[in-house]
């Protein structure tokens, strides 16, 4: 089991997240097969030093739905970033993974330093 380290210092959120999603799926390897889950782990360094545009900080809103009537909650990027920069990065990567059964298994290989 291989452990890959990705340093995201100074990179934009979207570009760093897309690079992480590609590595998590194993698309950077010559032996890539879409139906086989890669077995290597990806460790992210310096998440707090990502570049996020000020407009994105003001306008980006995440929505969480509990499944109950009236259970829709909104949280802004600025508030979530203050609470947990790792969660912001994880949500960005989550949105870039394939929308199928393997997504929840792939995201488990994402670790933070």
N, C-alpha and C. Protein backbone atom coordinates (compact mmCIF):
# COMPACT_ATOMS: atom_id res chain seq x y z
N UNK A 1 0.85 -1.18 0.00
CA UNK A 1 0.00 0.00 0.00
C UNK A 1 0.90 1.24 0.00
N UNK A 2 0.75 2.03 -1.02
CA UNK A 2 1.59 3.20 -1.22
C UNK A 2 0.94 4.43 -0.59
N UNK A 3 1.77 5.29 0.02
CA UNK A 3 1.28 6.53 0.60
C UNK A 3 1.86 7.69 -0.19
N UNK A 4 1.02 8.45 -0.87
CA UNK A 4 1.43 9.57 -1.69
C UNK A 4 1.17 10.85 -0.90
N UNK A 5 2.12 11.79 -0.94
CA UNK A 5 1.97 13.06 -0.23
C UNK A 5 1.82 14.17 -1.27
N UNK A 6 0.80 15.02 -1.08
CA UNK A 6 0.54 16.14 -1.97
C UNK A 6 0.61 17.43 -1.16
N UNK A 7 1.53 18.31 -1.53
CA UNK A 7 1.67 19.61 -0.86
C UNK A 7 0.86 20.64 -1.63
N UNK A 8 -0.15 21.24 -1.00
CA UNK A 8 -1.05 22.16 -1.69
C UNK A 8 -0.77 23.62 -1.32
N UNK A 9 0.36 23.90 -0.75
CA UNK A 9 0.71 25.27 -0.33
C UNK A 9 0.75 26.19 -1.55
N UNK A 10 -0.04 27.26 -1.52
CA UNK A 10 -0.05 28.25 -2.57
C UNK A 10 -0.91 27.90 -3.78
N UNK A 11 -1.53 26.73 -3.81
CA UNK A 11 -2.38 26.35 -4.94
C UNK A 11 -3.81 26.80 -4.69
N UNK A 12 -4.57 26.93 -5.76
CA UNK A 12 -5.98 27.27 -5.59
C UNK A 12 -6.75 26.03 -5.14
N UNK A 13 -7.89 26.24 -4.50
CA UNK A 13 -8.68 25.15 -3.94
C UNK A 13 -9.11 24.16 -5.02
N UNK A 14 -9.64 24.65 -6.12
CA UNK A 14 -10.15 23.77 -7.16
C UNK A 14 -9.07 22.96 -7.84
N UNK A 15 -7.94 23.57 -8.13
CA UNK A 15 -6.86 22.85 -8.81
C UNK A 15 -6.24 21.79 -7.90
N UNK A 16 -6.09 22.13 -6.63
CA UNK A 16 -5.55 21.16 -5.68
C UNK A 16 -6.53 19.99 -5.48
N UNK A 17 -7.83 20.31 -5.41
CA UNK A 17 -8.83 19.27 -5.21
C UNK A 17 -8.93 18.35 -6.43
N UNK A 18 -8.82 18.91 -7.63
CA UNK A 18 -8.89 18.07 -8.82
C UNK A 18 -7.67 17.17 -8.93
N UNK A 19 -6.50 17.69 -8.55
CA UNK A 19 -5.29 16.85 -8.55
C UNK A 19 -5.44 15.71 -7.53
N UNK A 20 -6.01 16.02 -6.38
CA UNK A 20 -6.23 15.00 -5.36
C UNK A 20 -7.24 13.95 -5.83
N UNK A 21 -8.30 14.38 -6.49
CA UNK A 21 -9.32 13.44 -6.98
C UNK A 21 -8.73 12.50 -8.03
N UNK A 22 -7.88 13.02 -8.90
CA UNK A 22 -7.23 12.19 -9.92
C UNK A 22 -6.33 11.15 -9.26
N UNK A 23 -5.56 11.58 -8.26
CA UNK A 23 -4.65 10.65 -7.58
C UNK A 23 -5.41 9.61 -6.77
N UNK A 24 -6.51 10.02 -6.13
CA UNK A 24 -7.30 9.08 -5.35
C UNK A 24 -7.90 7.99 -6.22
N UNK A 25 -8.33 8.34 -7.41
CA UNK A 25 -8.90 7.34 -8.32
C UNK A 25 -7.83 6.48 -8.96
N UNK A 26 -6.59 6.98 -8.99
CA UNK A 26 -5.51 6.22 -9.61
C UNK A 26 -5.36 6.51 -11.08
N UNK A 27 -5.95 7.62 -11.54
CA UNK A 27 -5.88 7.96 -12.97
C UNK A 27 -4.49 8.44 -13.37
N UNK A 28 -3.64 8.73 -12.41
CA UNK A 28 -2.27 9.15 -12.72
C UNK A 28 -1.36 7.94 -12.96
N UNK A 29 -1.86 6.74 -12.75
CA UNK A 29 -1.06 5.53 -12.91
C UNK A 29 -1.31 4.90 -14.28
N UNK A 30 -0.30 4.29 -14.88
CA UNK A 30 -0.52 3.65 -16.18
C UNK A 30 -1.42 2.41 -16.08
N UNK A 31 -1.57 1.87 -14.89
CA UNK A 31 -2.40 0.67 -14.70
C UNK A 31 -3.83 0.99 -14.29
N UNK A 32 -4.32 2.20 -14.63
CA UNK A 32 -5.66 2.64 -14.22
C UNK A 32 -6.75 1.77 -14.85
N UNK A 33 -7.69 1.32 -14.00
CA UNK A 33 -8.91 0.67 -14.46
C UNK A 33 -10.07 1.27 -13.68
N UNK A 34 -11.11 1.73 -14.35
CA UNK A 34 -12.16 2.48 -13.68
C UNK A 34 -12.94 1.70 -12.63
N UNK A 35 -13.05 0.38 -12.76
CA UNK A 35 -13.87 -0.38 -11.82
C UNK A 35 -13.07 -0.96 -10.67
N UNK A 36 -11.78 -0.70 -10.62
CA UNK A 36 -10.95 -1.21 -9.53
C UNK A 36 -10.57 -0.06 -8.61
N UNK A 37 -10.85 -0.23 -7.33
CA UNK A 37 -10.51 0.82 -6.36
C UNK A 37 -9.02 0.80 -6.10
N UNK A 38 -8.35 1.96 -6.21
CA UNK A 38 -6.91 1.99 -5.93
C UNK A 38 -6.64 1.77 -4.45
N UNK A 39 -5.52 1.18 -4.13
CA UNK A 39 -5.23 0.82 -2.75
C UNK A 39 -4.28 1.78 -2.07
N UNK A 40 -3.83 2.85 -2.76
CA UNK A 40 -2.89 3.75 -2.11
C UNK A 40 -3.61 4.89 -1.38
N UNK A 41 -2.95 5.42 -0.38
CA UNK A 41 -3.48 6.52 0.43
C UNK A 41 -2.90 7.83 -0.08
N UNK A 42 -3.65 8.92 0.08
CA UNK A 42 -3.18 10.24 -0.31
C UNK A 42 -3.18 11.13 0.92
N UNK A 43 -2.02 11.68 1.25
CA UNK A 43 -1.88 12.58 2.39
C UNK A 43 -1.72 14.00 1.88
N UNK A 44 -2.49 14.92 2.43
CA UNK A 44 -2.47 16.32 2.01
C UNK A 44 -1.73 17.14 3.07
N UNK A 45 -0.78 17.96 2.61
CA UNK A 45 -0.02 18.83 3.51
C UNK A 45 -0.40 20.29 3.25
N UNK A 46 -0.33 21.12 4.29
CA UNK A 46 -0.51 22.57 4.21
C UNK A 46 -1.87 23.00 3.65
N UNK A 47 -2.94 22.41 4.16
CA UNK A 47 -4.28 22.75 3.70
C UNK A 47 -4.63 24.19 4.09
N UNK A 48 -4.13 24.65 5.22
CA UNK A 48 -4.46 26.01 5.68
C UNK A 48 -3.84 27.09 4.80
N UNK A 49 -2.89 26.71 3.95
CA UNK A 49 -2.20 27.70 3.11
C UNK A 49 -2.67 27.65 1.66
N UNK A 50 -3.88 27.16 1.43
CA UNK A 50 -4.48 27.19 0.10
C UNK A 50 -4.87 28.62 -0.26
N UNK A 51 -4.84 28.94 -1.55
CA UNK A 51 -5.31 30.24 -2.02
C UNK A 51 -6.78 30.12 -2.39
N UNK A 52 -7.61 30.93 -1.74
CA UNK A 52 -9.03 30.99 -2.08
C UNK A 52 -9.36 32.44 -2.37
N UNK A 53 -9.99 32.68 -3.50
CA UNK A 53 -10.32 34.04 -3.91
C UNK A 53 -11.30 34.67 -2.93
N UNK A 54 -11.13 35.96 -2.62
CA UNK A 54 -12.05 36.62 -1.66
C UNK A 54 -13.51 36.57 -2.07
N UNK A 55 -13.79 36.62 -3.37
CA UNK A 55 -15.18 36.52 -3.82
C UNK A 55 -15.76 35.16 -3.48
N UNK A 56 -14.97 34.12 -3.62
CA UNK A 56 -15.41 32.76 -3.28
C UNK A 56 -15.73 32.68 -1.79
N UNK A 57 -14.89 33.33 -0.96
CA UNK A 57 -15.14 33.34 0.48
C UNK A 57 -16.49 33.96 0.81
N UNK A 58 -16.86 35.01 0.08
CA UNK A 58 -18.12 35.70 0.36
C UNK A 58 -19.33 34.97 -0.18
N UNK A 59 -19.21 34.33 -1.36
CA UNK A 59 -20.40 33.85 -2.04
C UNK A 59 -20.67 32.36 -1.94
N UNK A 60 -19.65 31.54 -1.72
CA UNK A 60 -19.83 30.08 -1.70
C UNK A 60 -20.62 29.66 -0.46
N UNK A 61 -21.66 28.87 -0.68
CA UNK A 61 -22.51 28.38 0.41
C UNK A 61 -22.69 26.88 0.25
N UNK A 62 -22.49 26.14 1.32
CA UNK A 62 -22.71 24.70 1.34
C UNK A 62 -24.07 24.43 1.97
N UNK A 63 -24.79 23.44 1.44
CA UNK A 63 -26.10 23.08 1.96
C UNK A 63 -26.05 21.64 2.44
N UNK A 64 -26.59 21.39 3.62
CA UNK A 64 -26.70 20.04 4.17
C UNK A 64 -28.17 19.77 4.46
N UNK A 65 -28.63 18.61 4.05
CA UNK A 65 -30.02 18.24 4.26
C UNK A 65 -30.08 17.01 5.16
N UNK A 66 -30.84 17.10 6.25
CA UNK A 66 -30.92 16.01 7.22
C UNK A 66 -31.87 14.90 6.77
N UNK A 67 -32.74 15.20 5.81
CA UNK A 67 -33.72 14.22 5.37
C UNK A 67 -35.09 14.47 5.97
N UNK A 68 -35.18 15.38 6.91
CA UNK A 68 -36.44 15.71 7.55
C UNK A 68 -37.00 17.01 6.98
N UNK A 69 -38.31 17.21 7.04
CA UNK A 69 -38.88 18.49 6.59
C UNK A 69 -38.30 19.65 7.39
N UNK A 70 -37.85 20.66 6.70
CA UNK A 70 -37.24 21.82 7.36
C UNK A 70 -35.82 21.56 7.80
N UNK A 71 -35.21 20.50 7.34
CA UNK A 71 -33.88 20.13 7.79
C UNK A 71 -32.76 20.60 6.88
N UNK A 72 -33.01 21.61 6.05
CA UNK A 72 -31.98 22.14 5.16
C UNK A 72 -31.20 23.22 5.90
N UNK A 73 -29.88 23.03 6.00
CA UNK A 73 -29.02 23.99 6.70
C UNK A 73 -27.97 24.51 5.74
N UNK A 74 -27.68 25.79 5.84
CA UNK A 74 -26.69 26.44 4.99
C UNK A 74 -25.53 26.93 5.85
N UNK A 75 -24.31 26.77 5.30
CA UNK A 75 -23.13 27.30 5.97
C UNK A 75 -22.22 27.89 4.90
N UNK A 76 -21.71 29.07 5.17
CA UNK A 76 -20.85 29.75 4.20
C UNK A 76 -19.43 29.20 4.24
N UNK A 77 -18.70 29.43 3.15
CA UNK A 77 -17.32 28.96 3.06
C UNK A 77 -16.46 29.58 4.15
N UNK A 78 -16.66 30.86 4.42
CA UNK A 78 -15.85 31.54 5.44
C UNK A 78 -16.03 30.89 6.81
N UNK A 79 -17.28 30.57 7.17
CA UNK A 79 -17.54 29.94 8.48
C UNK A 79 -16.97 28.53 8.55
N UNK A 80 -17.13 27.77 7.48
CA UNK A 80 -16.63 26.39 7.45
C UNK A 80 -15.10 26.38 7.45
N UNK A 81 -14.49 27.34 6.74
CA UNK A 81 -13.02 27.44 6.70
C UNK A 81 -12.47 27.77 8.08
N UNK A 82 -13.16 28.66 8.82
CA UNK A 82 -12.72 29.01 10.17
C UNK A 82 -12.83 27.80 11.10
N UNK A 83 -13.84 26.97 10.87
CA UNK A 83 -14.04 25.80 11.71
C UNK A 83 -13.10 24.67 11.32
N UNK A 84 -13.00 24.38 10.01
CA UNK A 84 -12.19 23.24 9.58
C UNK A 84 -11.80 23.39 8.10
N UNK A 85 -10.58 23.84 7.80
CA UNK A 85 -10.12 23.90 6.40
C UNK A 85 -10.08 22.52 5.75
N UNK A 86 -9.85 21.50 6.55
CA UNK A 86 -9.81 20.14 6.02
C UNK A 86 -11.16 19.73 5.46
N UNK A 87 -12.24 20.13 6.12
CA UNK A 87 -13.59 19.79 5.66
C UNK A 87 -13.89 20.49 4.34
N UNK A 88 -13.42 21.72 4.17
CA UNK A 88 -13.62 22.44 2.91
C UNK A 88 -12.94 21.68 1.77
N UNK A 89 -11.70 21.26 2.00
CA UNK A 89 -10.96 20.53 0.97
C UNK A 89 -11.60 19.18 0.69
N UNK A 90 -12.05 18.51 1.73
CA UNK A 90 -12.68 17.20 1.57
C UNK A 90 -13.96 17.30 0.76
N UNK A 91 -14.75 18.34 1.00
CA UNK A 91 -15.99 18.53 0.24
C UNK A 91 -15.70 18.85 -1.22
N UNK A 92 -14.62 19.58 -1.48
CA UNK A 92 -14.25 19.90 -2.86
C UNK A 92 -13.85 18.62 -3.61
N UNK A 93 -13.08 17.78 -2.95
CA UNK A 93 -12.66 16.51 -3.57
C UNK A 93 -13.86 15.60 -3.74
N UNK A 94 -14.74 15.54 -2.75
CA UNK A 94 -15.94 14.70 -2.78
C UNK A 94 -16.78 15.01 -4.02
N UNK A 95 -16.91 16.29 -4.35
CA UNK A 95 -17.70 16.68 -5.51
C UNK A 95 -17.06 16.31 -6.83
N UNK A 96 -15.76 16.03 -6.82
CA UNK A 96 -15.04 15.70 -8.06
C UNK A 96 -14.89 14.19 -8.27
N UNK A 97 -15.31 13.40 -7.32
CA UNK A 97 -15.25 11.95 -7.47
C UNK A 97 -16.49 11.45 -8.21
N UNK A 98 -16.43 10.26 -8.81
CA UNK A 98 -17.59 9.75 -9.54
C UNK A 98 -18.78 9.52 -8.61
N UNK A 99 -19.95 9.83 -9.11
CA UNK A 99 -21.17 9.72 -8.30
C UNK A 99 -21.71 8.30 -8.38
N UNK A 100 -21.04 7.37 -7.73
CA UNK A 100 -21.49 5.98 -7.70
C UNK A 100 -21.08 5.36 -6.36
N UNK A 101 -21.22 4.05 -6.24
CA UNK A 101 -20.98 3.37 -4.97
C UNK A 101 -19.54 3.46 -4.49
N UNK A 102 -18.62 3.63 -5.41
CA UNK A 102 -17.21 3.61 -5.02
C UNK A 102 -16.76 4.92 -4.38
N UNK A 103 -17.55 6.00 -4.51
CA UNK A 103 -17.13 7.30 -4.01
C UNK A 103 -16.83 7.28 -2.51
N UNK A 104 -17.69 6.68 -1.71
CA UNK A 104 -17.46 6.68 -0.27
C UNK A 104 -16.26 5.83 0.12
N UNK A 105 -15.92 4.85 -0.69
CA UNK A 105 -14.74 4.03 -0.41
C UNK A 105 -13.46 4.75 -0.82
N UNK A 106 -13.54 5.51 -1.91
CA UNK A 106 -12.36 6.24 -2.39
C UNK A 106 -12.00 7.36 -1.43
N UNK A 107 -12.98 8.09 -0.91
CA UNK A 107 -12.70 9.25 -0.05
C UNK A 107 -12.05 8.84 1.26
N UNK A 108 -12.20 7.59 1.66
CA UNK A 108 -11.57 7.11 2.89
C UNK A 108 -10.05 7.07 2.79
N UNK A 109 -9.51 7.11 1.56
CA UNK A 109 -8.07 7.10 1.36
C UNK A 109 -7.47 8.50 1.44
N UNK A 110 -8.29 9.52 1.68
CA UNK A 110 -7.80 10.90 1.81
C UNK A 110 -7.48 11.19 3.26
N UNK A 111 -6.21 11.51 3.53
CA UNK A 111 -5.76 11.82 4.89
C UNK A 111 -5.14 13.22 4.90
N UNK A 112 -5.00 13.78 6.08
CA UNK A 112 -4.42 15.12 6.23
C UNK A 112 -3.26 15.07 7.22
N UNK A 113 -2.30 15.93 6.97
CA UNK A 113 -1.13 16.01 7.85
C UNK A 113 -1.19 17.25 8.71
